[in-house]
Protein backbone atom coordinates (compact mmCIF):
# COMPACT_ATOMS: atom_id res chain seq x y z
CA MET A 1 -6.96 -4.71 -12.22
CA SER A 2 -5.84 -7.76 -10.31
CA LYS A 3 -2.25 -8.81 -10.74
CA ARG A 4 -1.91 -11.85 -12.94
CA CYS A 5 -0.21 -15.06 -11.88
CA ALA A 6 -0.06 -16.58 -15.38
CA PRO A 7 2.36 -15.67 -18.16
CA VAL A 8 1.40 -12.38 -19.73
CA ALA A 9 1.19 -13.91 -23.19
CA ALA A 10 -1.45 -16.39 -22.04
CA VAL A 11 -4.45 -14.10 -21.68
CA LEU A 12 -5.82 -10.67 -22.39
CA THR A 13 -7.62 -8.68 -19.74
CA VAL A 14 -11.41 -8.71 -19.76
CA ILE A 15 -12.76 -5.46 -18.35
CA VAL A 16 -15.08 -5.71 -15.37
CA ALA A 17 -18.16 -3.59 -14.88
CA ALA A 18 -18.30 -1.50 -11.77
CA ALA A 19 -20.90 -2.64 -9.30
CA GLY A 20 -24.31 -1.06 -9.25
CA GLY A 21 -25.37 1.77 -11.47
CA ALA A 22 -22.18 2.66 -13.28
CA CYS A 23 -24.33 4.61 -15.73
CA THR A 24 -25.85 6.76 -12.98
CA PRO A 25 -24.17 10.15 -12.55
CA SER A 26 -24.58 11.95 -9.22
CA GLU A 27 -27.37 14.49 -9.22
CA GLU A 28 -26.46 17.93 -10.57
CA ASP A 29 -22.85 16.84 -11.28
CA GLY A 30 -21.61 16.78 -7.72
CA ARG A 31 -23.60 19.69 -6.30
CA ALA A 32 -25.46 19.16 -3.07
CA ARG A 33 -28.22 16.64 -3.71
CA PRO A 34 -31.66 17.41 -2.18
CA ALA A 35 -32.68 14.96 0.50
CA LEU A 36 -35.28 12.44 -0.58
CA ALA A 37 -38.65 12.45 1.13
CA ALA A 38 -38.93 10.50 4.38
CA GLY A 39 -41.39 7.70 4.99
CA ALA A 40 -41.51 6.38 1.46
CA ALA A 41 -43.67 3.43 2.44
CA ASP A 42 -46.45 5.65 3.94
CA PRO A 43 -49.84 4.76 2.47
CA GLY A 44 -51.08 8.38 2.45
CA TRP A 45 -49.05 9.47 -0.58
CA THR A 46 -51.04 11.29 -3.28
CA VAL A 47 -49.92 11.65 -6.87
CA GLN A 48 -47.77 14.75 -7.39
CA PRO A 49 -46.52 16.54 -10.51
CA VAL A 50 -42.89 15.96 -11.50
CA PRO A 51 -41.49 18.94 -13.42
CA MET A 52 -38.91 18.06 -16.04
CA PRO A 53 -35.41 18.84 -14.72
CA ASP A 54 -32.68 20.70 -16.61
CA LEU A 55 -31.41 18.06 -19.04
CA SER A 56 -28.56 20.08 -20.54
CA ARG A 57 -25.83 17.95 -18.99
CA LEU A 58 -27.13 14.76 -20.67
CA PRO A 59 -26.18 13.49 -24.13
CA VAL A 60 -28.69 14.53 -26.78
CA SER A 61 -29.81 10.93 -27.32
CA VAL A 62 -30.64 10.60 -23.62
CA GLN A 63 -32.39 13.98 -23.49
CA THR A 64 -34.67 12.68 -26.23
CA GLN A 65 -35.43 9.55 -24.20
CA VAL A 66 -36.37 11.60 -21.15
CA ARG A 67 -38.60 13.97 -23.12
CA ASP A 68 -40.34 11.06 -24.86
CA ARG A 69 -41.22 9.52 -21.48
CA TYR A 70 -42.53 12.82 -20.17
CA ALA A 71 -44.63 13.18 -23.32
CA ALA A 72 -46.10 9.71 -22.83
CA LEU A 73 -46.91 10.53 -19.21
CA SER A 74 -48.57 13.78 -20.25
CA ALA A 75 -50.69 12.01 -22.85
CA ARG A 76 -51.87 9.34 -20.42
CA SER A 77 -52.54 11.87 -17.67
CA ALA A 78 -54.77 13.86 -20.04
CA SER A 79 -57.10 10.89 -20.52
CA ALA A 80 -59.86 10.73 -17.92
CA ARG A 81 -60.44 7.04 -18.69
CA MET A 82 -56.85 5.92 -18.37
CA PRO A 83 -56.66 2.75 -16.17
CA PRO A 84 -54.63 3.39 -12.98
CA GLU A 85 -52.16 0.62 -13.81
CA GLU A 86 -51.30 2.18 -17.18
CA LEU A 87 -50.93 5.62 -15.65
CA ALA A 88 -48.73 4.04 -12.96
CA GLN A 89 -46.55 2.57 -15.70
CA ALA A 90 -46.11 6.02 -17.28
CA HIS A 91 -45.12 7.55 -13.94
CA GLY A 92 -42.78 4.62 -13.31
CA ASP A 93 -41.17 4.95 -16.72
CA VAL A 94 -40.40 8.60 -16.00
CA GLY A 95 -39.09 7.68 -12.55
CA LEU A 96 -36.75 5.04 -13.91
CA ILE A 97 -35.24 7.26 -16.60
CA LEU A 98 -34.72 10.00 -13.99
CA MET A 99 -33.16 7.48 -11.61
CA ALA A 100 -30.82 6.23 -14.33
CA THR A 101 -29.75 9.77 -15.27
CA GLY A 102 -29.12 10.85 -11.68
CA TYR A 103 -32.17 13.06 -10.90
CA HIS A 104 -32.90 11.14 -7.76
CA ALA A 105 -35.36 13.41 -5.93
CA ALA A 106 -37.60 13.71 -9.00
CA ALA A 107 -37.24 9.96 -9.59
CA GLU A 108 -38.48 9.25 -6.09
CA THR A 109 -41.58 11.36 -6.61
CA SER A 110 -42.36 9.59 -9.90
CA LEU A 111 -41.86 6.10 -8.49
CA ARG A 112 -43.98 6.89 -5.45
CA ASN A 113 -46.67 8.12 -7.80
CA ALA A 114 -46.53 4.77 -9.59
CA GLN A 115 -46.69 2.91 -6.26
CA ALA A 116 -49.74 4.91 -5.17
CA LEU A 117 -51.57 4.27 -8.46
CA ALA A 118 -50.75 0.52 -8.54
CA PRO A 119 -50.33 -0.55 -4.89
CA ARG A 120 -50.41 -4.28 -5.74
CA GLU A 121 -47.55 -4.06 -8.26
CA PRO A 122 -44.29 -5.22 -6.60
CA LYS A 123 -41.86 -3.63 -9.05
CA TRP A 124 -42.50 -0.06 -7.88
CA PRO A 125 -41.49 -0.58 -4.23
CA TYR A 126 -38.63 -2.73 -5.52
CA TYR A 127 -37.29 0.06 -7.71
CA LEU A 128 -37.78 2.52 -4.83
CA GLY A 129 -35.65 0.22 -2.68
CA GLN A 130 -32.92 0.30 -5.31
CA LEU A 131 -33.17 4.09 -5.51
CA TYR A 132 -32.75 4.38 -1.75
CA LEU A 133 -29.67 2.15 -1.91
CA ILE A 134 -28.17 4.46 -4.54
CA THR A 135 -28.89 7.50 -2.36
CA SER A 136 -27.64 5.85 0.88
CA ASP A 137 -31.01 5.74 2.64
CA PRO A 138 -31.04 2.22 4.18
CA ALA A 139 -34.09 2.81 6.38
CA ASN A 140 -36.33 3.60 3.43
CA ALA A 141 -34.65 0.90 1.33
CA LEU A 142 -35.58 -1.66 3.98
CA LYS A 143 -39.22 -0.49 4.08
CA SER A 144 -39.50 -0.58 0.30
CA PHE A 145 -37.95 -4.04 -0.08
CA GLU A 146 -40.21 -5.35 2.71
CA LYS A 147 -43.23 -4.01 0.83
CA ALA A 148 -42.02 -5.56 -2.45
CA LEU A 149 -41.41 -8.91 -0.77
CA ALA A 150 -44.89 -8.91 0.80
CA LEU A 151 -46.29 -8.55 -2.73
CA ARG A 152 -43.98 -11.20 -4.25
CA PRO A 153 -42.75 -13.48 -1.43
CA LYS A 154 -40.57 -15.78 -3.51
CA ASP A 155 -38.69 -13.25 -5.65
CA LEU A 156 -35.00 -14.14 -5.31
CA ALA A 157 -33.62 -10.68 -6.05
CA THR A 158 -35.90 -8.99 -3.53
CA ILE A 159 -35.04 -11.56 -0.85
CA VAL A 160 -31.30 -11.10 -1.37
CA HIS A 161 -31.41 -7.30 -1.42
CA LEU A 162 -33.58 -7.21 1.69
CA GLY A 163 -31.20 -9.63 3.39
CA GLU A 164 -28.24 -7.42 2.50
CA THR A 165 -30.08 -4.37 3.85
CA TYR A 166 -30.83 -6.15 7.12
CA LEU A 167 -27.21 -7.25 7.38
CA ASP A 168 -25.89 -3.73 6.75
CA GLN A 169 -28.03 -2.58 9.68
CA GLY A 170 -26.63 -5.29 11.96
CA LYS A 171 -29.78 -7.46 11.92
CA THR A 172 -27.93 -10.72 11.37
CA ASP A 173 -30.75 -13.10 12.39
CA ALA A 174 -33.23 -11.53 9.99
CA ALA A 175 -30.59 -11.46 7.24
CA GLU A 176 -29.68 -15.11 7.76
CA ARG A 177 -33.33 -16.20 7.50
CA LEU A 178 -33.64 -14.45 4.16
CA PHE A 179 -30.34 -15.77 2.76
CA LEU A 180 -31.35 -19.31 3.76
CA GLN A 181 -34.69 -18.75 2.03
CA ALA A 182 -32.84 -17.54 -1.08
CA ARG A 183 -30.60 -20.62 -1.01
CA ASP A 184 -33.66 -22.87 -0.77
CA ILE A 185 -35.07 -21.21 -3.89
CA ASP A 186 -31.76 -21.50 -5.76
CA PRO A 187 -29.06 -23.68 -4.09
CA ARG A 188 -26.48 -22.37 -6.59
CA SER A 189 -27.19 -18.67 -5.95
CA ALA A 190 -23.76 -17.09 -5.44
CA ALA A 191 -25.43 -13.99 -3.96
CA ALA A 192 -27.28 -16.03 -1.34
CA ILE A 193 -24.16 -17.99 -0.37
CA GLU A 194 -22.13 -14.78 -0.10
CA GLY A 195 -24.83 -13.39 2.21
CA LEU A 196 -24.51 -16.42 4.51
CA GLY A 197 -20.74 -15.90 4.52
CA ARG A 198 -21.14 -12.25 5.52
CA VAL A 199 -23.54 -13.25 8.31
CA ALA A 200 -21.02 -15.79 9.65
CA GLN A 201 -18.25 -13.21 9.48
CA ALA A 202 -20.37 -10.63 11.31
CA ARG A 203 -20.86 -13.18 14.09
CA GLY A 204 -17.12 -13.88 14.30
CA ASP A 205 -17.45 -17.40 12.90
CA HIS A 206 -14.56 -17.12 10.45
CA THR A 207 -14.32 -20.84 9.74
CA ARG A 208 -17.89 -20.90 8.49
CA ALA A 209 -17.38 -17.56 6.70
CA VAL A 210 -14.44 -19.00 4.74
CA GLU A 211 -16.52 -22.02 3.72
CA TYR A 212 -19.35 -19.87 2.38
CA LEU A 213 -17.15 -17.25 0.73
CA GLU A 214 -14.97 -19.83 -0.99
CA GLN A 215 -18.12 -21.52 -2.23
CA THR A 216 -19.28 -18.16 -3.59
CA LEU A 217 -16.10 -17.82 -5.66
CA THR A 218 -16.48 -21.38 -6.92
CA LEU A 219 -19.99 -20.56 -8.11
CA ASP A 220 -18.99 -17.17 -9.51
CA PRO A 221 -15.25 -16.51 -9.98
CA GLN A 222 -16.05 -12.96 -11.21
CA ALA A 223 -17.41 -11.97 -7.77
CA SER A 224 -14.24 -10.07 -6.92
CA ARG A 225 -15.73 -8.18 -4.00
CA VAL A 226 -15.72 -11.46 -2.07
CA HIS A 227 -11.92 -11.58 -1.94
CA TYR A 228 -11.50 -8.86 0.65
CA PRO A 229 -13.85 -10.24 3.36
CA LEU A 230 -12.42 -13.68 2.61
CA ALA A 231 -8.93 -12.28 3.25
CA GLN A 232 -10.14 -10.82 6.55
CA SER A 233 -11.46 -14.18 7.70
CA TYR A 234 -8.31 -16.01 6.67
CA ARG A 235 -6.28 -13.42 8.56
CA SER A 236 -8.44 -13.95 11.66
CA LEU A 237 -7.73 -17.69 11.34
CA GLY A 238 -3.97 -17.02 11.16
CA GLN A 239 -3.61 -18.02 7.50
CA GLN A 240 -1.65 -15.02 6.33
CA GLU A 241 -0.53 -16.35 2.95
CA LYS A 242 -4.09 -17.05 1.86
CA ALA A 243 -5.18 -13.67 3.22
CA GLU A 244 -2.53 -11.86 1.17
CA ALA A 245 -3.44 -13.77 -1.99
CA HIS A 246 -7.09 -12.74 -1.70
CA VAL A 247 -6.31 -9.12 -0.87
CA LYS A 248 -4.47 -8.84 -4.18
CA GLN A 249 -7.55 -10.06 -6.05
CA ARG A 250 -10.12 -7.78 -4.44
CA GLY A 251 -12.43 -5.81 -6.68
CA ASP A 252 -15.99 -4.58 -7.05
CA GLY A 253 -17.61 -7.49 -8.88
CA ARG A 254 -20.83 -8.58 -7.21
CA PRO A 255 -21.95 -12.24 -7.09
CA ALA A 256 -24.28 -13.19 -9.91
CA LEU A 257 -27.96 -12.66 -9.14
CA SER A 258 -30.87 -13.14 -11.52
CA ASP A 259 -32.59 -9.75 -11.40
CA PRO A 260 -34.79 -9.10 -14.45
CA LEU A 261 -36.04 -5.73 -13.17
CA MET A 262 -32.56 -4.30 -12.71
CA ARG A 263 -31.46 -5.82 -16.01
CA ASP A 264 -34.19 -3.83 -17.70
CA TYR A 265 -33.13 -0.74 -15.77
CA PHE A 266 -29.50 -0.98 -16.83
CA TRP A 267 -30.60 -1.15 -20.48
CA LEU A 268 -32.59 2.06 -20.31
CA ILE A 269 -30.05 4.67 -21.34
CA ASP A 270 -29.06 5.17 -24.98
CA SER A 271 -25.62 6.67 -24.38
CA ALA A 272 -22.01 5.74 -25.10
CA GLU A 273 -21.33 5.00 -21.42
CA ALA A 274 -24.41 2.77 -21.18
CA HIS A 275 -23.35 0.84 -24.28
CA TYR A 276 -19.91 0.35 -22.75
CA GLN A 277 -21.41 -1.15 -19.60
CA ARG A 278 -23.66 -3.43 -21.66
CA GLY A 279 -20.73 -4.57 -23.74
CA VAL A 280 -18.81 -5.43 -20.58
CA LEU A 281 -21.72 -7.50 -19.29
CA ALA A 282 -21.96 -9.32 -22.62
CA MET A 283 -18.24 -10.15 -22.50
CA GLN A 284 -18.50 -11.41 -18.96
CA ALA A 285 -21.21 -13.77 -20.19
CA GLY A 286 -19.00 -14.88 -23.10
CA LYS A 287 -21.39 -13.42 -25.69
CA TRP A 288 -18.78 -11.98 -28.02
CA ASP A 289 -21.04 -11.20 -30.96
CA ALA A 290 -23.46 -9.34 -28.70
CA ALA A 291 -20.55 -7.41 -27.19
CA LEU A 292 -19.27 -6.45 -30.64
CA ASP A 293 -22.71 -5.21 -31.63
CA VAL A 294 -23.14 -3.16 -28.47
CA PHE A 295 -19.68 -1.57 -28.63
CA ARG A 296 -20.20 -0.65 -32.29
CA LYS A 297 -23.58 0.94 -31.52
CA GLY A 298 -21.91 2.96 -28.77
CA LEU A 299 -19.18 4.09 -31.13
CA ALA A 300 -21.84 5.20 -33.61
CA LEU A 301 -23.04 7.59 -30.91
CA GLU A 302 -19.55 8.67 -29.86
CA PRO A 303 -16.85 7.63 -32.36
CA GLU A 304 -13.93 8.96 -30.32
CA ASN A 305 -14.88 7.17 -27.07
CA VAL A 306 -11.69 5.44 -25.92
CA GLN A 307 -13.32 2.94 -23.57
CA LEU A 308 -15.69 1.74 -26.27
CA GLY A 309 -12.80 1.39 -28.70
CA TYR A 310 -10.84 -0.57 -26.13
CA GLY A 311 -13.81 -2.80 -25.40
CA LEU A 312 -14.30 -3.46 -29.11
CA GLY A 313 -10.68 -4.59 -29.36
CA LEU A 314 -11.11 -7.00 -26.46
CA ALA A 315 -14.31 -8.43 -27.90
CA LEU A 316 -12.61 -8.98 -31.27
CA TYR A 317 -9.76 -10.77 -29.54
CA TRP A 318 -11.99 -13.05 -27.50
CA LYS A 319 -14.07 -13.85 -30.59
CA GLY A 320 -10.82 -15.11 -32.16
CA ASP A 321 -9.96 -12.34 -34.61
CA GLN A 322 -6.51 -11.37 -33.35
CA ASP A 323 -5.53 -9.31 -36.38
CA ALA A 324 -8.66 -7.17 -36.18
CA ALA A 325 -8.15 -6.80 -32.42
CA ALA A 326 -4.59 -5.58 -32.93
CA LYS A 327 -5.71 -3.05 -35.52
CA GLN A 328 -8.44 -1.83 -33.17
CA PHE A 329 -6.00 -1.43 -30.27
CA GLU A 330 -3.61 0.47 -32.53
CA ALA A 331 -6.44 2.77 -33.63
CA VAL A 332 -7.27 3.52 -29.98
CA LEU A 333 -3.64 4.30 -29.21
CA GLN A 334 -3.45 6.70 -32.13
CA ARG A 335 -6.23 8.72 -30.51
CA SER A 336 -5.17 8.15 -26.92
CA PRO A 337 -1.55 7.00 -26.56
CA ASP A 338 -1.79 7.16 -22.75
CA HIS A 339 -4.56 4.55 -22.46
CA VAL A 340 -2.61 2.05 -20.39
CA GLU A 341 -4.89 -0.98 -20.64
CA THR A 342 -5.10 -0.79 -24.42
CA ARG A 343 -1.31 -0.66 -24.68
CA PHE A 344 -0.83 -3.50 -22.20
CA ASN A 345 -3.33 -5.75 -24.00
CA LEU A 346 -1.81 -4.94 -27.38
CA GLY A 347 1.53 -6.01 -25.93
CA ALA A 348 0.00 -9.27 -24.66
CA LEU A 349 -1.59 -9.93 -28.04
CA LEU A 350 1.70 -9.30 -29.88
CA ALA A 351 3.46 -11.61 -27.46
CA GLN A 352 0.99 -14.38 -28.32
CA GLN A 353 1.78 -13.79 -31.99
CA LYS A 354 5.51 -14.07 -31.15
CA HIS A 355 6.22 -10.45 -32.06
CA TYR A 356 8.40 -10.24 -28.99
CA ARG A 357 10.29 -7.04 -29.71
CA GLU A 358 7.12 -5.07 -30.49
CA ALA A 359 5.47 -6.48 -27.37
CA LEU A 360 8.48 -5.49 -25.27
CA THR A 361 8.25 -1.94 -26.57
CA HIS A 362 4.63 -1.66 -25.45
CA PHE A 363 5.31 -3.21 -22.04
CA ALA A 364 8.19 -0.79 -21.48
CA VAL A 365 5.91 2.17 -22.22
CA VAL A 366 3.29 0.85 -19.79
CA ALA A 367 5.98 0.44 -17.12
CA LYS A 368 6.69 4.18 -17.41
CA GLN A 369 3.04 5.17 -17.54
CA ASP A 370 1.95 2.98 -14.62
CA PRO A 371 4.92 2.03 -12.42
CA GLY A 372 4.40 -0.71 -9.89
CA ARG A 373 2.52 -3.25 -12.02
CA ALA A 374 3.81 -6.76 -11.52
CA ASP A 375 2.18 -8.00 -14.73
CA VAL A 376 4.16 -5.47 -16.76
CA GLU A 377 7.42 -6.60 -15.15
CA VAL A 378 6.55 -10.22 -15.98
CA GLY A 379 5.79 -9.19 -19.55
CA GLN A 380 9.14 -7.48 -19.98
CA ALA A 381 10.99 -10.40 -18.41
CA GLU A 382 9.26 -12.91 -20.69
CA MET A 383 9.94 -10.91 -23.83
CA LEU A 384 13.61 -10.43 -22.98
CA ARG A 385 13.94 -14.16 -22.28
CA ASN A 386 12.21 -14.99 -25.56
CA LEU A 387 14.56 -12.63 -27.39
CA GLY A 388 17.51 -14.49 -25.89
CA ASP A 389 18.59 -11.83 -23.38
CA VAL A 390 18.06 -13.86 -20.22
CA ASN A 391 20.48 -11.72 -18.22
CA ALA A 392 18.45 -8.58 -18.89
CA SER A 393 15.30 -10.37 -17.71
CA ILE A 394 16.59 -10.88 -14.14
CA PRO A 395 15.86 -7.33 -12.81
CA HIS A 396 12.30 -7.64 -14.10
CA TRP A 397 11.75 -10.99 -12.41
CA ARG A 398 13.10 -9.48 -9.18
CA ARG A 399 10.78 -6.50 -9.49
CA ALA A 400 7.81 -8.76 -10.33
CA VAL A 401 8.10 -10.84 -7.14
CA GLU A 402 8.83 -7.75 -5.10
CA LEU A 403 5.56 -6.23 -6.30
CA ASP A 404 3.57 -9.48 -6.13
CA PRO A 405 5.15 -12.05 -3.79
CA ALA A 406 2.13 -14.33 -4.23
CA ASN A 407 3.01 -14.92 -7.90
CA ALA A 408 4.58 -18.37 -7.69
CA VAL A 409 5.00 -18.52 -11.48
CA ALA A 410 7.24 -15.44 -11.44
CA TRP A 411 9.33 -16.96 -8.65
CA ALA A 412 9.77 -20.15 -10.68
CA GLU A 413 10.61 -18.38 -13.93
CA GLY A 414 13.12 -16.13 -12.21
CA ALA A 415 14.81 -19.18 -10.69
CA LYS A 416 15.00 -20.86 -14.09
CA ALA A 417 16.64 -17.76 -15.54
CA LEU A 418 19.30 -17.69 -12.83
CA ILE A 419 19.99 -21.40 -13.31
CA VAL A 420 20.35 -20.96 -17.09
CA LEU A 421 22.91 -18.22 -16.37
CA LYS A 422 24.70 -20.58 -13.92
CA ARG A 423 24.28 -18.06 -11.13
CA TYR A 424 23.71 -20.93 -8.74
CA LYS A 425 24.15 -19.16 -5.40
CA GLU A 426 21.68 -16.47 -6.40
CA ALA A 427 19.32 -19.17 -7.62
CA ARG A 428 19.56 -21.00 -4.29
CA ASP A 429 18.88 -17.85 -2.29
CA TRP A 430 16.01 -17.02 -4.66
CA LEU A 431 14.44 -20.45 -4.26
CA ASP A 432 14.84 -20.38 -0.47
CA ALA A 433 12.90 -17.12 -0.38
CA ALA A 434 10.30 -18.44 -2.80
CA ARG A 435 9.66 -21.64 -0.86
CA LYS A 436 9.11 -19.74 2.37
CA LEU A 437 6.17 -18.09 0.67
CA HIS A 438 5.07 -21.07 -1.44
CA SER A 439 5.91 -24.14 0.58
CA ASP A 440 3.33 -26.21 -1.29
CA SER A 441 4.65 -25.42 -4.77
CA VAL A 442 5.66 -28.62 -6.55
CA GLU A 443 7.53 -26.71 -9.27
CA LEU A 444 9.64 -24.73 -6.79
CA SER A 445 10.48 -27.90 -4.86
CA ALA A 446 11.53 -29.60 -8.09
CA LEU A 447 13.72 -26.66 -9.08
CA SER A 448 15.40 -26.75 -5.68
CA ALA A 449 16.12 -30.43 -6.07
CA ASP A 450 17.48 -29.93 -9.59
CA LEU A 451 19.70 -27.09 -8.39
CA ALA A 452 21.07 -29.18 -5.53
CA GLU A 453 21.90 -31.97 -7.98
CA VAL A 454 23.67 -29.57 -10.35
CA ARG A 455 25.72 -28.06 -7.55
CA ALA A 456 26.66 -31.51 -6.27
CA GLN A 457 28.27 -32.45 -9.58
């Protein structure tokens, strides 16, 4: 979680989905995965049988889904008059469910079967390209995306993924052509703009990279993976303060990209984990009712799932039902008292409701469970100040800026606390340190001027 620069009581944390296939377990639970077949784009592939793998590690609901798709494939295969496109769909359906559940080698065979039966259908090479990305096979991913793009030349998602694959292989000119094509199709495509920024960075043009990457964040503030390369470019330009600020915000969030095929893929699995990921996506889109529905469906499958319970609490909060959110957080903590994010967000919610002492209790527990969080130190400092114990807040303000020097708000609030306590020399030293880091802060400058006037009296 990124460290917050706003008062703790102002917001609750919205969970962020991990990038790419968070519902996809590794094949055979970490055991050595068989290598996928080489030359996936070869035209000589003939349809092969795909035996059903051992499904025992999957939830019962997902086992049923897999078996149903195999049954449909078997029924279509038994019909001598089945059109090739319909048989291709049955093979592809099996391939996708196997891909989503982590049986990657079998998924490849099924998807290649679909591609052989329907060679003019672009979605099968596209899904193969995605499978090869999951299994770290960029050469075959590139071939598959090229084949998909040849079949559907103006598909934005295919263009972007092929551009990223070119870029990862050091083919910057080819990547740039594709990202420019993507931008022409959709000038507000955050994924296309990010691609152009990565190309500029790969060429050492950090000024241009900063322009593109900052534009990406303007278009999609949730694209947290952009912060780290942006920090690298700022560092190369000698702008250390901006570099440090972006490093602290780095994450895994990808830029938004309209991708109907992968949207359908991510909605395949009927499991608690899959419902959690869908709920997260709904919250990121601000669809609180949809998120509530998805989290509740997940809890119907797995009532004790802590992440789903936590997500339900967040969705209730953002929908505006604070009391229900608090009850939900408390229910999660009864089952799992060590779930740090639930406790932190319950503290933030109680702070908003002005239940300062209860909020302080939760923040103090989080500080023990997860030492080193600046947001927790800010929370404790704010609650102590609100309870009238300004003196006790000082160590927490000090710890907050030590952990997160980029937090100008914490610097300002700590200075105010010292001034209230008439510890003017400490306040002056504090503000001198703060303004070295935040020379453009109007509030810190004003506090310094006010302090100088007080001391002059």
